N, C-alpha and C. Protein backbone atom coordinates (compact mmCIF):
# COMPACT_ATOMS: atom_id res chain seq x y z
N GLN A 1 10.58 6.45 -14.70
CA GLN A 1 11.50 5.34 -14.85
C GLN A 1 11.46 4.46 -13.60
N VAL A 2 11.93 3.24 -13.78
CA VAL A 2 11.97 2.27 -12.69
C VAL A 2 13.40 1.80 -12.51
N GLN A 3 13.84 1.79 -11.27
CA GLN A 3 15.17 1.29 -10.94
C GLN A 3 15.02 -0.01 -10.15
N LEU A 4 15.85 -0.99 -10.50
CA LEU A 4 15.88 -2.27 -9.81
C LEU A 4 17.26 -2.47 -9.20
N VAL A 5 17.31 -2.74 -7.92
CA VAL A 5 18.57 -2.96 -7.23
C VAL A 5 18.57 -4.36 -6.63
N ALA A 6 19.48 -5.19 -7.12
CA ALA A 6 19.57 -6.59 -6.67
C ALA A 6 20.70 -6.75 -5.67
N SER A 7 20.52 -7.71 -4.79
CA SER A 7 21.54 -8.02 -3.80
C SER A 7 21.43 -9.49 -3.39
N GLY A 8 22.47 -9.97 -2.71
CA GLY A 8 22.42 -11.32 -2.15
C GLY A 8 23.28 -12.34 -2.84
N GLY A 9 23.95 -11.97 -3.92
CA GLY A 9 24.81 -12.94 -4.59
C GLY A 9 26.07 -13.21 -3.78
N GLY A 10 26.87 -14.16 -4.25
CA GLY A 10 28.11 -14.47 -3.57
C GLY A 10 28.65 -15.82 -3.96
N LEU A 11 29.62 -16.27 -3.19
CA LEU A 11 30.26 -17.57 -3.41
C LEU A 11 29.71 -18.57 -2.41
N VAL A 12 29.30 -19.73 -2.91
CA VAL A 12 28.73 -20.76 -2.04
C VAL A 12 29.20 -22.13 -2.52
N GLN A 13 29.32 -23.05 -1.61
CA GLN A 13 29.72 -24.41 -1.97
C GLN A 13 28.55 -25.17 -2.57
N PRO A 14 28.82 -26.17 -3.38
CA PRO A 14 27.74 -27.02 -3.90
C PRO A 14 26.89 -27.58 -2.77
N GLY A 15 25.58 -27.54 -2.99
CA GLY A 15 24.66 -27.98 -1.96
C GLY A 15 24.20 -26.88 -1.03
N GLY A 16 24.85 -25.73 -1.13
CA GLY A 16 24.52 -24.62 -0.26
C GLY A 16 23.32 -23.82 -0.74
N SER A 17 23.04 -22.74 -0.03
CA SER A 17 21.87 -21.90 -0.33
C SER A 17 22.26 -20.43 -0.38
N LEU A 18 21.51 -19.68 -1.16
CA LEU A 18 21.60 -18.23 -1.23
C LEU A 18 20.20 -17.67 -1.42
N ARG A 19 20.03 -16.43 -0.98
CA ARG A 19 18.76 -15.75 -1.20
C ARG A 19 19.03 -14.41 -1.88
N LEU A 20 18.47 -14.24 -3.05
CA LEU A 20 18.60 -12.99 -3.78
C LEU A 20 17.38 -12.11 -3.51
N SER A 21 17.63 -10.81 -3.48
CA SER A 21 16.55 -9.84 -3.33
C SER A 21 16.68 -8.78 -4.41
N CYS A 22 15.56 -8.22 -4.81
CA CYS A 22 15.58 -7.15 -5.80
C CYS A 22 14.42 -6.21 -5.53
N ALA A 23 14.75 -4.96 -5.27
CA ALA A 23 13.75 -3.95 -4.95
C ALA A 23 13.58 -2.98 -6.11
N ALA A 24 12.34 -2.72 -6.46
CA ALA A 24 12.01 -1.78 -7.53
C ALA A 24 11.59 -0.46 -6.92
N SER A 25 12.03 0.62 -7.53
CA SER A 25 11.66 1.95 -7.06
C SER A 25 11.52 2.89 -8.25
N GLY A 26 10.90 4.06 -8.00
CA GLY A 26 10.72 5.02 -9.07
C GLY A 26 9.26 5.40 -9.21
N SER A 27 8.92 5.90 -10.37
CA SER A 27 7.55 6.37 -10.63
C SER A 27 6.69 5.20 -11.09
N ILE A 28 6.37 4.34 -10.14
CA ILE A 28 5.67 3.09 -10.43
C ILE A 28 4.18 3.22 -10.11
N PHE A 29 3.37 2.88 -11.08
CA PHE A 29 1.93 2.80 -10.83
C PHE A 29 1.53 1.38 -10.46
N SER A 30 2.09 0.43 -11.17
CA SER A 30 1.79 -0.97 -10.86
C SER A 30 2.87 -1.85 -11.49
N ILE A 31 3.08 -3.02 -10.88
CA ILE A 31 4.03 -3.99 -11.41
C ILE A 31 3.28 -5.26 -11.77
N ASN A 32 3.47 -5.72 -12.98
CA ASN A 32 2.83 -6.94 -13.44
C ASN A 32 3.68 -8.12 -13.00
N THR A 33 4.55 -8.59 -13.84
CA THR A 33 5.41 -9.71 -13.47
C THR A 33 6.74 -9.23 -12.92
N MET A 34 7.33 -10.04 -12.07
CA MET A 34 8.70 -9.85 -11.59
C MET A 34 9.41 -11.19 -11.78
N GLY A 35 10.68 -11.11 -12.13
CA GLY A 35 11.36 -12.37 -12.40
C GLY A 35 12.86 -12.29 -12.27
N TRP A 36 13.46 -13.47 -12.37
CA TRP A 36 14.91 -13.59 -12.33
C TRP A 36 15.38 -14.31 -13.59
N TYR A 37 16.43 -13.78 -14.17
CA TYR A 37 17.09 -14.38 -15.31
C TYR A 37 18.55 -14.58 -14.94
N ARG A 38 19.24 -15.41 -15.69
CA ARG A 38 20.67 -15.57 -15.44
C ARG A 38 21.42 -15.74 -16.76
N GLN A 39 22.69 -15.38 -16.70
CA GLN A 39 23.54 -15.51 -17.88
C GLN A 39 24.90 -16.00 -17.45
N ALA A 40 25.27 -17.15 -17.94
CA ALA A 40 26.60 -17.70 -17.68
C ALA A 40 27.54 -17.27 -18.81
N PRO A 41 28.84 -17.26 -18.56
CA PRO A 41 29.79 -16.86 -19.60
C PRO A 41 29.63 -17.70 -20.86
N GLY A 42 29.52 -17.02 -21.99
CA GLY A 42 29.40 -17.71 -23.27
C GLY A 42 28.02 -18.25 -23.58
N LYS A 43 27.06 -17.96 -22.71
CA LYS A 43 25.70 -18.47 -22.92
C LYS A 43 24.71 -17.32 -22.99
N GLN A 44 23.53 -17.61 -23.54
CA GLN A 44 22.50 -16.61 -23.61
C GLN A 44 21.81 -16.45 -22.26
N ARG A 45 21.23 -15.29 -22.07
CA ARG A 45 20.45 -15.07 -20.86
C ARG A 45 19.21 -15.96 -20.90
N GLU A 46 18.90 -16.57 -19.75
CA GLU A 46 17.76 -17.48 -19.68
C GLU A 46 16.88 -17.15 -18.49
N LEU A 47 15.61 -17.47 -18.64
CA LEU A 47 14.67 -17.28 -17.55
C LEU A 47 14.93 -18.32 -16.47
N VAL A 48 14.95 -17.86 -15.21
CA VAL A 48 15.08 -18.75 -14.07
C VAL A 48 13.71 -18.97 -13.43
N ALA A 49 13.05 -17.87 -13.10
CA ALA A 49 11.74 -17.96 -12.45
C ALA A 49 11.03 -16.63 -12.64
N ILE A 50 9.69 -16.71 -12.65
CA ILE A 50 8.89 -15.52 -12.82
C ILE A 50 7.64 -15.64 -11.96
N ILE A 51 7.15 -14.50 -11.46
CA ILE A 51 5.98 -14.50 -10.61
C ILE A 51 5.07 -13.35 -11.01
N SER A 52 3.78 -13.64 -11.08
CA SER A 52 2.81 -12.62 -11.46
C SER A 52 2.42 -11.79 -10.24
N SER A 53 1.67 -10.74 -10.48
CA SER A 53 1.20 -9.90 -9.38
C SER A 53 0.28 -10.68 -8.45
N GLY A 54 -0.35 -11.69 -8.98
CA GLY A 54 -1.25 -12.51 -8.17
C GLY A 54 -0.58 -13.69 -7.49
N GLY A 55 0.70 -13.87 -7.78
CA GLY A 55 1.44 -14.93 -7.11
C GLY A 55 1.65 -16.20 -7.92
N SER A 56 1.18 -16.24 -9.14
CA SER A 56 1.44 -17.41 -9.99
C SER A 56 2.90 -17.45 -10.38
N THR A 57 3.47 -18.65 -10.37
CA THR A 57 4.90 -18.78 -10.62
C THR A 57 5.19 -19.74 -11.77
N ASN A 58 6.36 -19.56 -12.34
CA ASN A 58 6.83 -20.46 -13.38
C ASN A 58 8.35 -20.56 -13.24
N TYR A 59 8.88 -21.76 -13.43
CA TYR A 59 10.30 -22.00 -13.22
C TYR A 59 10.93 -22.69 -14.42
N ALA A 60 12.20 -22.43 -14.61
CA ALA A 60 12.96 -23.22 -15.57
C ALA A 60 13.05 -24.64 -15.04
N GLU A 61 13.03 -25.59 -15.93
CA GLU A 61 13.06 -26.99 -15.52
C GLU A 61 14.31 -27.30 -14.70
N SER A 62 15.40 -26.65 -15.00
CA SER A 62 16.67 -26.93 -14.33
C SER A 62 16.70 -26.51 -12.86
N VAL A 63 15.77 -25.63 -12.45
CA VAL A 63 15.78 -25.15 -11.07
C VAL A 63 14.52 -25.54 -10.31
N ARG A 64 13.58 -26.13 -11.00
CA ARG A 64 12.31 -26.50 -10.36
C ARG A 64 12.57 -27.45 -9.19
N GLY A 65 11.98 -27.14 -8.05
CA GLY A 65 12.16 -27.96 -6.86
C GLY A 65 13.32 -27.52 -5.99
N ARG A 66 14.20 -26.70 -6.52
CA ARG A 66 15.35 -26.20 -5.75
C ARG A 66 15.24 -24.70 -5.46
N PHE A 67 14.68 -23.97 -6.38
CA PHE A 67 14.56 -22.52 -6.24
C PHE A 67 13.10 -22.16 -5.97
N THR A 68 12.91 -21.08 -5.19
CA THR A 68 11.57 -20.57 -4.93
C THR A 68 11.55 -19.07 -5.11
N ILE A 69 10.65 -18.60 -5.95
CA ILE A 69 10.50 -17.17 -6.16
C ILE A 69 9.30 -16.68 -5.36
N SER A 70 9.44 -15.49 -4.79
CA SER A 70 8.34 -14.88 -4.04
C SER A 70 8.45 -13.37 -4.19
N ARG A 71 7.40 -12.66 -3.80
CA ARG A 71 7.42 -11.21 -3.89
C ARG A 71 6.62 -10.59 -2.78
N ASP A 72 7.01 -9.37 -2.45
CA ASP A 72 6.29 -8.55 -1.49
C ASP A 72 5.78 -7.35 -2.25
N ASN A 73 4.51 -7.36 -2.58
CA ASN A 73 3.95 -6.29 -3.40
C ASN A 73 4.00 -4.94 -2.70
N ALA A 74 3.87 -4.94 -1.39
CA ALA A 74 3.90 -3.68 -0.65
C ALA A 74 5.28 -3.02 -0.73
N LYS A 75 6.32 -3.85 -0.89
CA LYS A 75 7.69 -3.34 -0.96
C LYS A 75 8.24 -3.34 -2.38
N ASN A 76 7.42 -3.77 -3.35
CA ASN A 76 7.90 -3.87 -4.75
C ASN A 76 9.20 -4.66 -4.82
N THR A 77 9.24 -5.75 -4.09
CA THR A 77 10.46 -6.53 -3.98
C THR A 77 10.21 -7.99 -4.37
N VAL A 78 11.15 -8.56 -5.09
CA VAL A 78 11.09 -9.96 -5.47
C VAL A 78 12.29 -10.68 -4.87
N TYR A 79 12.07 -11.93 -4.48
CA TYR A 79 13.10 -12.73 -3.85
C TYR A 79 13.31 -14.03 -4.65
N LEU A 80 14.50 -14.58 -4.54
CA LEU A 80 14.77 -15.89 -5.11
C LEU A 80 15.55 -16.69 -4.08
N GLN A 81 14.90 -17.66 -3.48
CA GLN A 81 15.56 -18.56 -2.55
C GLN A 81 16.13 -19.72 -3.35
N MET A 82 17.44 -19.88 -3.28
CA MET A 82 18.12 -20.91 -4.06
C MET A 82 18.73 -21.94 -3.12
N ASN A 83 18.25 -23.15 -3.18
CA ASN A 83 18.75 -24.25 -2.35
C ASN A 83 19.40 -25.31 -3.23
N SER A 84 20.16 -26.17 -2.60
CA SER A 84 20.82 -27.28 -3.31
C SER A 84 21.54 -26.79 -4.55
N LEU A 85 22.31 -25.73 -4.37
CA LEU A 85 22.98 -25.12 -5.51
C LEU A 85 24.01 -26.04 -6.13
N LYS A 86 24.12 -25.94 -7.44
CA LYS A 86 25.04 -26.75 -8.22
C LYS A 86 26.02 -25.84 -8.96
N PRO A 87 27.19 -26.36 -9.32
CA PRO A 87 28.14 -25.54 -10.08
C PRO A 87 27.52 -24.96 -11.35
N GLU A 88 26.61 -25.67 -11.98
CA GLU A 88 25.99 -25.15 -13.20
C GLU A 88 25.02 -24.00 -12.95
N ASP A 89 24.76 -23.68 -11.70
CA ASP A 89 23.95 -22.50 -11.37
C ASP A 89 24.80 -21.23 -11.37
N THR A 90 26.10 -21.39 -11.52
CA THR A 90 26.99 -20.23 -11.55
C THR A 90 26.65 -19.34 -12.72
N ALA A 91 26.39 -18.07 -12.43
CA ALA A 91 25.99 -17.11 -13.46
C ALA A 91 25.80 -15.74 -12.83
N THR A 92 25.62 -14.75 -13.68
CA THR A 92 25.16 -13.45 -13.22
C THR A 92 23.63 -13.47 -13.26
N TYR A 93 23.02 -13.16 -12.15
CA TYR A 93 21.56 -13.19 -12.04
C TYR A 93 21.01 -11.77 -12.15
N TYR A 94 20.01 -11.62 -13.00
CA TYR A 94 19.40 -10.32 -13.25
C TYR A 94 17.93 -10.38 -12.85
N CYS A 95 17.48 -9.34 -12.15
CA CYS A 95 16.05 -9.25 -11.88
C CYS A 95 15.39 -8.40 -12.96
N ASN A 96 14.13 -8.65 -13.13
CA ASN A 96 13.35 -7.99 -14.19
C ASN A 96 11.96 -7.73 -13.67
N CYS A 97 11.38 -6.65 -14.12
CA CYS A 97 9.96 -6.45 -13.85
C CYS A 97 9.29 -5.82 -15.06
N ASN A 98 8.02 -6.11 -15.21
CA ASN A 98 7.20 -5.45 -16.21
C ASN A 98 6.27 -4.52 -15.44
N ALA A 99 6.44 -3.23 -15.66
CA ALA A 99 5.75 -2.25 -14.82
C ALA A 99 5.12 -1.13 -15.64
N LEU A 100 4.07 -0.57 -15.04
CA LEU A 100 3.45 0.64 -15.58
C LEU A 100 4.04 1.81 -14.80
N SER A 101 4.71 2.71 -15.50
CA SER A 101 5.41 3.79 -14.81
C SER A 101 5.29 5.07 -15.60
N GLY A 102 5.81 6.15 -15.01
CA GLY A 102 5.81 7.44 -15.69
C GLY A 102 5.09 8.49 -14.88
N THR A 103 4.45 9.40 -15.58
CA THR A 103 3.69 10.47 -14.95
C THR A 103 2.20 10.21 -15.20
N PRO A 104 1.31 10.85 -14.46
CA PRO A 104 -0.13 10.60 -14.67
C PRO A 104 -0.58 10.89 -16.09
N TRP A 105 0.10 11.79 -16.81
CA TRP A 105 -0.31 12.12 -18.17
C TRP A 105 0.55 11.43 -19.22
N ASN A 106 1.50 10.64 -18.80
CA ASN A 106 2.39 9.95 -19.74
C ASN A 106 2.86 8.64 -19.12
N ARG A 107 2.01 7.64 -19.17
CA ARG A 107 2.34 6.35 -18.60
C ARG A 107 2.77 5.39 -19.69
N ARG A 108 3.63 4.45 -19.31
CA ARG A 108 4.00 3.42 -20.27
C ARG A 108 4.25 2.10 -19.56
N GLN A 109 3.94 1.02 -20.25
CA GLN A 109 4.19 -0.33 -19.74
C GLN A 109 5.49 -0.82 -20.39
N ALA A 110 6.42 -1.24 -19.58
CA ALA A 110 7.71 -1.64 -20.15
C ALA A 110 8.43 -2.62 -19.22
N ASP A 111 9.44 -3.26 -19.75
CA ASP A 111 10.32 -4.13 -18.96
C ASP A 111 11.51 -3.33 -18.45
N PHE A 112 11.89 -3.61 -17.23
CA PHE A 112 13.04 -2.96 -16.62
C PHE A 112 13.97 -4.04 -16.04
N TRP A 113 15.27 -3.74 -16.04
CA TRP A 113 16.28 -4.70 -15.59
C TRP A 113 17.15 -4.14 -14.48
N GLY A 114 17.53 -5.02 -13.56
CA GLY A 114 18.50 -4.67 -12.54
C GLY A 114 19.91 -4.82 -13.05
N GLN A 115 20.88 -4.52 -12.18
CA GLN A 115 22.28 -4.46 -12.61
C GLN A 115 22.97 -5.82 -12.62
N GLY A 116 22.34 -6.83 -12.06
CA GLY A 116 22.96 -8.15 -12.03
C GLY A 116 23.75 -8.38 -10.75
N THR A 117 23.67 -9.60 -10.25
CA THR A 117 24.44 -9.99 -9.08
C THR A 117 25.05 -11.36 -9.36
N GLN A 118 26.32 -11.51 -9.01
CA GLN A 118 27.05 -12.73 -9.36
C GLN A 118 26.79 -13.83 -8.33
N VAL A 119 26.49 -15.00 -8.83
CA VAL A 119 26.37 -16.21 -8.00
C VAL A 119 27.40 -17.21 -8.50
N THR A 120 28.27 -17.62 -7.61
CA THR A 120 29.30 -18.60 -7.94
C THR A 120 29.18 -19.80 -7.01
N VAL A 121 29.02 -20.96 -7.61
CA VAL A 121 28.89 -22.20 -6.83
C VAL A 121 30.14 -23.04 -7.10
N SER A 122 30.97 -23.14 -6.09
CA SER A 122 32.25 -23.82 -6.27
C SER A 122 32.79 -24.29 -4.93
N SER A 123 33.49 -25.41 -4.96
CA SER A 123 34.14 -25.90 -3.75
C SER A 123 35.57 -25.40 -3.67
């Protein structure tokens, strides 16, 4: 199994910045994509940003140019630098990874989710 632990959320004023981190641990053989999703009250969960093992990135149009996703493969950690935050960025942010995990005789490729971290943008 793979465990994801996210941190870095909090309360910030509009225009401010936050940096989220998410570390993956467990019986990991390899991690394919790592990403961040968010869910605001009453809305569906949506993709914020995703990064491949090779460093290719993709962003939601609403955050492009303001957010930057990066990863440290040696630490199995993904980061989300969020700048110029807006009230509409308020949500619970979840990290995700697609990983090959298990035992040498029983491996599986699957998606795993972190516990979520709250980001509130308000004056």
